[in-house]
């Protein structure tokens, strides 16, 4: 492990998740009766947002071959390290 943590596991990220959770809880408790009919539409509206954020804008077109070579090299390094560690045991 490299020791690098993401935003969501940092103190600020956990505070953000807590605030979002509290806001959603009170939104459902206080306004659930008139929000429930709109949930199917909200789920459909989340699909484009999910694609935008999960694909991160498709900004790396044309680099597929380079990424494939990096992934293959990383796989081979991991395979060699695993064999070395297996020999030590």
Protein backbone atom coordinates (compact mmCIF):
# COMPACT_ATOMS: atom_id res chain seq x y z
CA UNK A 1 0.00 0.00 0.00
CA UNK A 2 1.35 3.40 -0.92
CA UNK A 3 -0.11 5.23 2.08
CA UNK A 4 -2.05 7.59 -0.19
CA UNK A 5 -5.63 7.98 0.96
CA UNK A 6 -8.55 9.32 -1.00
CA UNK A 7 -10.72 12.28 -0.14
CA UNK A 8 -13.60 10.21 1.20
CA UNK A 9 -11.40 8.52 3.82
CA UNK A 10 -9.89 11.80 5.03
CA UNK A 11 -11.32 13.80 7.92
CA UNK A 12 -12.97 16.29 5.57
CA UNK A 13 -14.43 13.50 3.45
CA UNK A 14 -15.91 11.72 6.46
CA UNK A 15 -17.38 15.02 7.69
CA UNK A 16 -18.88 15.57 4.23
CA UNK A 17 -20.40 12.09 4.21
CA UNK A 18 -21.82 12.66 7.69
CA UNK A 19 -23.43 15.95 6.65
CA UNK A 20 -24.84 14.43 3.47
CA UNK A 21 -26.23 11.51 5.48
CA UNK A 22 -27.84 13.83 8.03
CA UNK A 23 -29.34 15.99 5.28
CA UNK A 24 -30.77 12.95 3.49
CA UNK A 25 -32.17 11.56 6.73
CA UNK A 26 -34.03 14.76 7.56
CA UNK A 27 -35.13 15.17 3.95
CA UNK A 28 -36.72 11.71 4.01
CA UNK A 29 -38.21 12.08 7.48
CA UNK A 30 -39.67 15.56 7.01
CA UNK A 31 -40.47 15.52 3.30
CA UNK A 32 -40.73 11.83 2.45
CA UNK A 33 -44.46 11.90 1.81
CA UNK A 34 -44.22 14.34 -1.06
CA UNK A 35 -40.82 13.14 -2.39
CA UNK A 36 -41.64 9.43 -2.76
CA UNK A 37 -43.72 9.86 -5.96
CA UNK A 38 -40.71 11.45 -7.69
CA UNK A 39 -38.10 8.76 -6.90
CA UNK A 40 -38.41 6.93 -10.24
CA UNK A 41 -37.75 10.21 -12.08
CA UNK A 42 -34.82 11.03 -9.80
CA UNK A 43 -33.24 7.65 -10.49
CA UNK A 44 -33.57 8.23 -14.25
CA UNK A 45 -32.05 11.70 -13.87
CA UNK A 46 -29.11 10.24 -11.94
CA UNK A 47 -28.07 8.04 -14.88
CA UNK A 48 -26.48 10.84 -16.98
CA UNK A 49 -24.76 12.28 -13.92
CA UNK A 50 -23.40 8.87 -13.02
CA UNK A 51 -21.99 8.44 -16.53
CA UNK A 52 -20.39 11.88 -16.49
CA UNK A 53 -18.68 11.39 -13.15
CA UNK A 54 -17.78 7.73 -13.57
CA UNK A 55 -16.27 8.17 -17.03
CA UNK A 56 -14.60 11.45 -15.98
CA UNK A 57 -15.33 13.12 -19.29
CA UNK A 58 -13.54 10.58 -21.51
CA UNK A 59 -10.53 12.89 -21.57
CA UNK A 60 -7.94 10.22 -22.38
CA UNK A 61 -8.93 9.17 -25.90
CA UNK A 62 -6.09 7.83 -27.99
CA UNK A 63 -4.10 6.48 -25.04
CA UNK A 64 -5.69 3.05 -24.87
CA UNK A 65 -2.66 1.26 -26.29
CA UNK A 66 -0.29 3.01 -23.89
CA UNK A 67 -2.53 2.15 -20.92
CA UNK A 68 -2.70 -1.47 -22.06
CA UNK A 69 1.09 -1.66 -22.18
CA UNK A 70 1.34 -0.14 -18.68
CA UNK A 71 -1.22 -2.60 -17.33
CA UNK A 72 0.60 -5.53 -18.91
CA UNK A 73 3.95 -4.38 -17.48
CA UNK A 74 2.38 -3.96 -14.03
CA UNK A 75 0.87 -7.44 -14.28
CA UNK A 76 4.25 -8.95 -15.17
CA UNK A 77 5.97 -7.11 -12.27
CA UNK A 78 3.32 -8.36 -9.86
CA UNK A 79 3.66 -11.87 -11.19
CA UNK A 80 7.44 -11.80 -10.72
CA UNK A 81 7.13 -10.37 -7.20
CA UNK A 82 4.63 -13.07 -6.31
CA UNK A 83 6.97 -15.78 -7.55
CA UNK A 84 9.87 -14.31 -5.56
CA UNK A 85 7.75 -14.14 -2.42
CA UNK A 86 6.55 -17.70 -2.97
CA UNK A 87 10.17 -18.88 -3.25
CA UNK A 88 11.05 -17.21 0.07
CA UNK A 89 8.36 -19.12 1.94
